[in-house]
Protein backbone atom coordinates (compact mmCIF):
# COMPACT_ATOMS: atom_id res chain seq x y z
CA MET A 1 27.41 -17.23 -30.77
CA ALA A 2 23.87 -16.09 -31.42
CA THR A 3 22.14 -14.59 -28.37
CA ILE A 4 18.38 -14.80 -27.86
CA ASN A 5 16.65 -11.95 -26.08
CA GLN A 6 13.01 -11.23 -25.40
CA GLN A 7 12.42 -9.54 -28.74
CA GLN A 8 14.53 -11.74 -30.98
CA ARG A 9 13.42 -15.04 -32.40
CA LEU A 10 15.55 -17.42 -34.42
CA LEU A 11 14.00 -18.00 -37.81
CA GLU A 12 15.87 -21.28 -37.85
CA LEU A 13 13.53 -22.53 -35.12
CA ASP A 14 10.54 -21.95 -37.37
CA ALA A 15 12.34 -23.70 -40.19
CA LEU A 16 13.14 -26.68 -37.96
CA ARG A 17 9.50 -26.81 -36.85
CA GLY A 18 8.46 -26.82 -40.49
CA ILE A 19 10.87 -29.66 -41.26
CA ALA A 20 9.64 -31.66 -38.25
CA ALA A 21 6.00 -31.20 -39.25
CA ALA A 22 6.69 -32.17 -42.88
CA MET A 23 8.53 -35.30 -41.73
CA VAL A 24 5.60 -36.44 -39.58
CA VAL A 25 3.03 -35.67 -42.27
CA LEU A 26 4.95 -37.53 -44.97
CA PHE A 27 5.44 -40.47 -42.63
CA HIS A 28 1.70 -40.75 -42.12
CA PHE A 29 0.64 -40.16 -45.72
CA VAL A 30 3.34 -42.08 -47.58
CA TYR A 31 4.30 -44.84 -45.15
CA ARG A 32 1.78 -45.29 -42.35
CA TYR A 33 -1.38 -45.06 -44.51
CA SER A 34 -0.23 -47.94 -46.71
CA GLU A 35 0.80 -49.93 -43.64
CA ILE A 36 -2.73 -49.62 -42.20
CA TYR A 37 -5.03 -49.63 -45.23
CA ARG A 38 -2.97 -51.17 -48.04
CA PRO A 39 -0.55 -53.65 -46.40
CA ASP A 40 -0.12 -55.48 -49.72
CA ALA A 41 1.00 -52.33 -51.54
CA PRO A 42 4.68 -51.36 -51.88
CA ARG A 43 5.82 -48.72 -49.38
CA LEU A 44 8.62 -46.18 -49.57
CA ASP A 45 10.48 -47.33 -46.45
CA LEU A 46 12.59 -44.18 -46.40
CA PHE A 47 9.56 -42.29 -45.11
CA TYR A 48 9.44 -44.50 -42.02
CA TYR A 49 12.03 -42.16 -40.50
CA GLY A 50 9.58 -39.29 -40.73
CA ASN A 51 8.07 -40.47 -37.45
CA GLN A 52 11.19 -39.12 -35.74
CA GLY A 53 10.04 -35.61 -36.53
CA VAL A 54 8.33 -35.61 -33.12
CA TYR A 55 11.76 -35.82 -31.48
CA LEU A 56 12.76 -32.62 -33.25
CA PHE A 57 9.55 -31.03 -31.96
CA PHE A 58 10.53 -32.07 -28.43
CA ILE A 59 13.96 -30.42 -28.77
CA VAL A 60 12.28 -27.20 -29.94
CA SER A 61 9.84 -27.42 -27.01
CA GLY A 62 12.68 -27.78 -24.51
CA PHE A 63 14.32 -24.68 -25.97
CA VAL A 64 11.13 -22.59 -26.11
CA ILE A 65 9.69 -23.56 -22.71
CA PHE A 66 12.93 -22.81 -20.90
CA TRP A 67 13.10 -19.52 -22.79
CA THR A 68 9.50 -18.70 -21.84
CA LEU A 69 9.95 -19.48 -18.15
CA ASN A 70 13.05 -17.30 -18.03
CA ARG A 71 11.12 -14.24 -19.16
CA VAL A 72 7.82 -14.51 -17.26
CA ASN A 73 7.18 -12.19 -14.32
CA TYR A 74 4.48 -14.23 -12.59
CA PRO A 75 3.59 -17.94 -12.56
CA LEU A 76 0.22 -17.16 -14.13
CA ASP A 77 2.04 -15.59 -17.11
CA PHE A 78 3.31 -19.02 -18.08
CA ILE A 79 -0.06 -20.72 -17.61
CA VAL A 80 -1.87 -18.15 -19.75
CA SER A 81 0.88 -18.27 -22.37
CA ARG A 82 0.72 -22.05 -22.72
CA PHE A 83 -3.07 -22.27 -22.50
CA SER A 84 -3.58 -19.63 -25.20
CA ARG A 85 -1.04 -21.34 -27.43
CA LEU A 86 -2.23 -24.91 -27.05
CA TYR A 87 -5.87 -25.28 -26.12
CA PRO A 88 -8.15 -23.06 -28.27
CA VAL A 89 -6.78 -24.26 -31.61
CA TYR A 90 -6.61 -27.82 -30.31
CA TRP A 91 -10.31 -27.76 -29.44
CA ILE A 92 -11.20 -26.50 -32.92
CA ALA A 93 -8.93 -29.04 -34.65
CA LEU A 94 -10.43 -31.75 -32.46
CA ALA A 95 -13.97 -30.77 -33.47
CA ILE A 96 -13.09 -30.61 -37.18
CA THR A 97 -11.31 -33.98 -37.12
CA PHE A 98 -14.15 -35.66 -35.22
CA ALA A 99 -16.75 -34.20 -37.60
CA VAL A 100 -14.86 -35.26 -40.74
CA VAL A 101 -14.21 -38.81 -39.55
CA SER A 102 -17.77 -39.20 -38.25
CA TYR A 103 -19.26 -37.98 -41.54
CA PHE A 104 -17.06 -39.81 -44.05
CA GLY A 105 -16.04 -42.76 -41.87
CA LEU A 106 -12.54 -44.15 -41.43
CA PRO A 107 -12.11 -47.81 -40.44
CA GLY A 108 -10.54 -48.20 -37.01
CA ARG A 109 -10.45 -44.44 -36.37
CA GLU A 110 -14.00 -43.60 -35.38
CA VAL A 111 -14.79 -42.79 -31.74
CA SER A 112 -17.93 -42.05 -29.74
CA ASN A 113 -19.25 -38.62 -28.83
CA GLY A 114 -18.29 -39.22 -25.21
CA THR A 115 -14.72 -40.08 -26.16
CA ALA A 116 -14.47 -36.95 -28.28
CA ILE A 117 -15.68 -34.79 -25.39
CA ALA A 118 -13.19 -36.44 -23.02
CA ASN A 119 -10.39 -35.54 -25.49
CA VAL A 120 -10.82 -31.84 -24.68
CA LEU A 121 -8.68 -32.40 -21.59
CA MET A 122 -5.63 -33.10 -23.78
CA PHE A 123 -4.27 -35.42 -21.09
CA HIS A 124 -7.02 -37.99 -21.71
CA SER A 125 -4.46 -40.71 -22.41
CA TYR A 126 -3.65 -40.76 -18.68
CA LEU A 127 -7.27 -41.82 -18.17
CA ASN A 128 -6.97 -44.57 -20.82
CA ILE A 129 -9.36 -42.72 -23.12
CA PRO A 130 -8.74 -43.28 -26.87
CA HIS A 131 -7.57 -40.41 -29.06
CA VAL A 132 -9.80 -38.76 -31.63
CA ASP A 133 -6.59 -38.63 -33.65
CA SER A 134 -3.65 -40.77 -32.57
CA VAL A 135 -1.16 -37.91 -33.08
CA TYR A 136 -2.52 -36.43 -29.87
CA TRP A 137 -0.29 -38.79 -27.87
CA THR A 138 2.51 -36.22 -28.00
CA LEU A 139 0.32 -33.56 -26.39
CA ALA A 140 0.21 -35.42 -23.08
CA VAL A 141 4.00 -35.76 -23.25
CA GLU A 142 4.33 -32.01 -23.83
CA LEU A 143 1.93 -31.14 -21.01
CA THR A 144 3.79 -33.41 -18.60
CA PHE A 145 7.07 -31.71 -19.49
CA TYR A 146 5.46 -28.28 -18.97
CA ALA A 147 4.19 -29.38 -15.56
CA TRP A 148 7.62 -30.54 -14.39
CA MET A 149 9.25 -27.36 -15.69
CA PHE A 150 6.63 -25.20 -14.01
CA LEU A 151 7.20 -27.04 -10.73
CA LEU A 152 10.95 -26.43 -10.96
CA TYR A 153 10.23 -22.77 -11.72
CA LEU A 154 8.03 -22.47 -8.63
CA CYS A 155 10.73 -24.14 -6.53
CA LYS A 156 13.37 -21.81 -8.01
CA GLN A 157 15.30 -24.79 -9.33
CA LEU A 158 14.87 -24.11 -13.03
CA ASN A 159 18.56 -23.64 -13.75
CA ARG A 160 19.29 -27.08 -12.29
CA VAL A 161 16.84 -28.91 -14.52
CA GLU A 162 19.58 -30.92 -16.27
CA TYR A 163 20.78 -32.33 -12.95
CA PHE A 164 17.26 -33.40 -11.98
CA ALA A 165 16.86 -35.00 -15.40
CA LEU A 166 20.07 -37.07 -15.30
CA PRO A 167 18.87 -39.64 -12.72
CA VAL A 168 15.51 -39.88 -14.51
CA VAL A 169 17.23 -40.67 -17.80
CA GLY A 170 19.40 -43.17 -15.93
CA LEU A 171 16.28 -44.91 -14.61
CA ALA A 172 14.82 -44.94 -18.09
CA MET A 173 17.93 -46.64 -19.44
CA LEU A 174 17.89 -49.25 -16.66
CA GLN A 175 14.28 -49.98 -17.48
CA GLN A 176 15.00 -50.28 -21.19
CA LEU A 177 17.85 -52.69 -20.43
CA GLU A 178 15.41 -54.71 -18.27
CA ILE A 179 17.57 -54.20 -15.18
CA LEU A 180 14.74 -52.34 -13.49
CA ALA A 181 10.96 -52.57 -13.85
CA LEU A 182 8.95 -49.43 -13.19
CA PRO A 183 5.15 -49.15 -13.15
CA TYR A 184 3.74 -47.87 -16.44
CA VAL A 185 2.29 -44.75 -14.81
CA ILE A 186 5.77 -43.79 -13.56
CA THR A 187 7.28 -44.10 -17.03
CA GLN A 188 4.46 -41.89 -18.30
CA LEU A 189 4.88 -39.24 -15.63
CA LEU A 190 8.64 -39.17 -16.15
CA ILE A 191 8.09 -38.95 -19.95
CA MET A 192 10.48 -41.76 -20.77
CA PRO A 193 12.13 -42.09 -23.24
CA TYR A 194 11.51 -38.59 -24.59
CA LEU A 195 13.07 -36.56 -21.78
CA PRO A 196 16.56 -36.47 -23.40
CA PHE A 197 15.21 -34.40 -26.30
CA PHE A 198 13.57 -31.81 -24.03
CA ILE A 199 16.74 -31.55 -21.94
CA ALA A 200 18.79 -31.18 -25.11
CA GLY A 201 16.62 -28.20 -26.08
CA ILE A 202 17.34 -26.61 -22.69
CA CYS A 203 21.07 -27.17 -23.16
CA PHE A 204 20.88 -25.56 -26.60
CA PHE A 205 19.08 -22.54 -25.09
CA LYS A 206 21.86 -22.09 -22.54
CA MET A 207 24.46 -22.39 -25.25
CA ALA A 208 22.65 -19.82 -27.41
CA ASN A 209 22.53 -17.37 -24.51
CA ASN A 210 26.10 -17.83 -23.26
CA LEU A 211 24.80 -19.52 -20.12
CA ALA A 212 26.38 -22.89 -20.81
CA THR A 213 29.03 -24.43 -18.60
CA LYS A 214 31.16 -27.48 -19.23
CA ALA A 215 28.46 -29.47 -17.48
CA THR A 216 25.91 -28.25 -20.04
CA TYR A 217 27.95 -29.73 -22.90
CA ILE A 218 28.50 -32.97 -20.99
CA VAL A 219 24.77 -33.30 -20.29
CA LEU A 220 23.98 -32.62 -23.96
CA VAL A 221 26.30 -35.41 -25.08
CA LEU A 222 24.87 -37.76 -22.45
CA MET A 223 21.33 -37.00 -23.66
CA LEU A 224 22.31 -37.92 -27.20
CA LEU A 225 24.08 -41.11 -26.13
CA SER A 226 21.12 -42.15 -23.98
CA THR A 227 18.97 -42.41 -27.11
CA LEU A 228 21.18 -45.32 -28.20
CA VAL A 229 19.61 -47.27 -25.33
CA LEU A 230 16.16 -45.72 -25.10
CA LEU A 231 15.25 -45.85 -28.78
CA PRO A 232 15.83 -48.24 -31.70
CA LEU A 233 19.42 -48.16 -32.92
CA ARG A 234 18.31 -47.35 -36.45
CA ASP A 235 16.90 -44.06 -35.15
CA PHE A 236 20.26 -42.82 -33.86
CA PRO A 237 21.75 -41.37 -37.09
CA LEU A 238 18.77 -39.06 -37.54
CA ASN A 239 18.73 -38.13 -33.84
CA PHE A 240 22.42 -37.27 -34.16
CA LEU A 241 21.59 -35.13 -37.20
CA PHE A 242 18.90 -33.29 -35.21
CA PHE A 243 21.44 -32.38 -32.52
CA ILE A 244 23.96 -31.21 -35.12
CA ALA A 245 21.29 -29.19 -36.94
CA PHE A 246 20.14 -27.52 -33.74
CA TYR A 247 23.70 -26.67 -32.77
CA GLY A 248 24.15 -25.15 -36.22
CA ALA A 249 20.93 -23.17 -35.89
CA ILE A 250 21.85 -21.51 -32.57
CA ASN A 251 25.21 -20.56 -34.03
CA GLY A 252 23.71 -19.00 -37.15
CA HIS A 253 25.06 -21.64 -39.53
CA LEU A 254 21.66 -22.69 -40.94
CA SER A 255 20.51 -19.38 -42.37
CA PHE A 256 19.98 -21.19 -45.69
CA LEU A 257 16.95 -22.81 -44.04
CA ASN A 258 15.25 -19.43 -43.75
CA ALA A 259 13.34 -20.03 -46.95
CA ARG A 260 9.75 -18.81 -47.06
CA PRO A 261 8.21 -22.27 -47.57
CA LEU A 262 9.93 -23.67 -44.46
CA ILE A 263 9.13 -20.59 -42.39
CA PHE A 264 5.51 -20.87 -43.52
CA LEU A 265 5.32 -24.55 -42.61
CA GLY A 266 6.89 -23.73 -39.26
CA ALA A 267 4.30 -21.02 -38.63
CA ILE A 268 1.40 -23.41 -39.27
CA SER A 269 3.14 -26.48 -37.81
CA TYR A 270 0.98 -26.87 -34.70
CA SER A 271 -2.31 -26.64 -36.59
CA TRP A 272 -0.93 -28.83 -39.37
CA TYR A 273 0.17 -31.45 -36.89
CA LEU A 274 -3.24 -31.47 -35.18
CA LEU A 275 -5.25 -31.66 -38.39
CA HIS A 276 -3.28 -33.71 -40.86
CA GLN A 277 -3.48 -37.39 -39.96
CA ASN A 278 -7.09 -38.58 -39.86
CA ILE A 279 -8.35 -35.90 -42.23
CA GLY A 280 -5.54 -36.78 -44.63
CA TYR A 281 -6.38 -40.46 -44.31
CA VAL A 282 -10.02 -39.71 -45.12
CA VAL A 283 -8.99 -37.79 -48.24
CA ILE A 284 -6.67 -40.57 -49.44
CA TYR A 285 -9.18 -43.30 -48.55
CA GLN A 286 -12.03 -41.60 -50.40
CA LEU A 287 -9.93 -40.84 -53.47
CA GLN A 288 -8.60 -44.39 -53.54
CA ALA A 289 -12.19 -45.66 -53.44
CA ALA A 290 -12.82 -43.50 -56.52
CA ASN A 291 -9.84 -45.19 -58.28
CA ILE A 292 -7.60 -42.13 -58.06
CA ASN A 293 -3.89 -42.88 -58.22
CA ILE A 294 -2.36 -43.11 -54.72
CA TYR A 295 0.21 -40.41 -55.42
CA TRP A 296 -2.47 -37.95 -56.60
CA ALA A 297 -4.45 -38.85 -53.49
CA ILE A 298 -1.44 -38.11 -51.27
CA ALA A 299 -0.85 -34.81 -53.08
CA ALA A 300 -4.49 -33.85 -52.50
CA ALA A 301 -4.22 -34.77 -48.80
CA LEU A 302 -1.10 -32.60 -48.50
CA LEU A 303 -2.71 -29.59 -50.14
CA ILE A 304 -5.95 -29.90 -48.18
CA SER A 305 -4.19 -30.37 -44.83
CA ILE A 306 -1.86 -27.41 -45.47
CA GLY A 307 -4.78 -25.24 -46.57
CA LEU A 308 -6.85 -26.12 -43.51
CA ALA A 309 -3.87 -25.58 -41.20
CA ALA A 310 -3.13 -22.18 -42.73
CA MET A 311 -6.74 -21.04 -42.30
CA LEU A 312 -6.83 -22.35 -38.75
CA THR A 313 -3.53 -20.64 -37.89
CA TYR A 314 -4.16 -17.21 -39.37
CA LEU A 315 -7.93 -16.88 -39.00
CA ILE A 316 -8.48 -18.58 -35.65
CA GLU A 317 -5.36 -19.65 -33.72
CA ARG A 318 -3.45 -16.37 -33.76
CA PRO A 319 -6.43 -14.01 -33.26
CA ILE A 320 -7.73 -16.06 -30.31
CA MET A 321 -4.25 -16.31 -28.79
CA ARG A 322 -3.76 -12.53 -29.08
CA TRP A 323 -7.21 -11.88 -27.62
CA ILE A 324 -6.59 -14.09 -24.57
CA ARG A 325 -3.16 -12.62 -23.93
CA ASP A 326 -4.37 -9.04 -24.39
CA LYS A 327 -7.23 -9.65 -21.96
CA TYR A 328 -4.77 -11.06 -19.46
CA LYS A 329 -2.31 -8.17 -19.86
CA ASN A 330 -5.13 -5.66 -19.46
CA SER A 331 -6.28 -7.37 -16.27
CA ILE A 332 -2.74 -7.23 -14.88
CA ALA A 333 -2.53 -3.55 -15.77
CA LEU A 334 -5.85 -2.86 -14.04
CA GLN A 335 -4.68 -4.71 -10.93
CA LYS A 336 -1.51 -2.60 -10.82
CA LEU A 337 -3.55 0.59 -11.18
CA ALA A 338 -5.87 -0.52 -8.40
CA LYS A 339 -2.90 -1.21 -6.10
CA ARG A 340 -1.40 2.20 -6.83
CA ALA A 341 -4.71 3.89 -6.13
CA THR A 342 -4.96 2.01 -2.81
CA PHE A 343 -1.43 2.95 -1.74
CA SER A 344 -1.94 6.60 -2.69
CA ARG A 345 -4.86 7.00 -0.29
């Protein structure tokens, strides 16, 4: 079984990220755009399932966050790591999206300056503030998961996360079956019904690192089965495929996915996810208004969104992330030197 250490990174994870991002983008451009702006036009219903790409993202997040928390030395390490990864590029993508939609216009998608400013929090949905781009809904889910994981880390209960999650998933199922009614804010804070995917990612991490017990495998199966209740039944075959694919990846059986295009899409996946929807809709909408064939318009939206995401990733996201982390590491090093100097007196 493949073992992950601090230096090693599974290329399959990047490939799976790339696949997840492509699924979501194609869902929005091929299926969702027509549903919103051309309801009378024929749609390729197969692309409806692309919206499940976010579930694959959640599995990857569960894997990566558990991995990250298991290698940090101080609580602040995790906070700086997540902040540098998520926020700077999000703020820039937010500004670009708001500017494009404000300039060109997009029916039903325009927001006020105040709303755009409030979006910088990333958890604005908890305050009932509209999104600048509706794909941002997953960011609050991710942040909530990070917060719970960080709390377990602080309480030294990280390795028991699956056991804390089981009753929560049980409550979610009871709610979905209308046996129990929970306040909306509770369902939000407990990230129902998405928790099973995060927990599955944690189980996969333990399996990849030879930390799994029989209970780990049982919890993994239970997480998969819970999606039969928590999500539409028609989503289950693809969810099942995600679990199988992830199991194959951690065991080194998906090396054929390590193709450069998928690795590239995985590398730019966060920026692509943040930028693609409303900007892509603007491109398609404007080209449609100019009587350009819908498929050429979609192709243009794909190329433009990928190009923007690549520039954002390599010219802004990664340099800023390295700068923040280097500054933090240097400050830690200075603190250690200061302590040594104090003790040596």
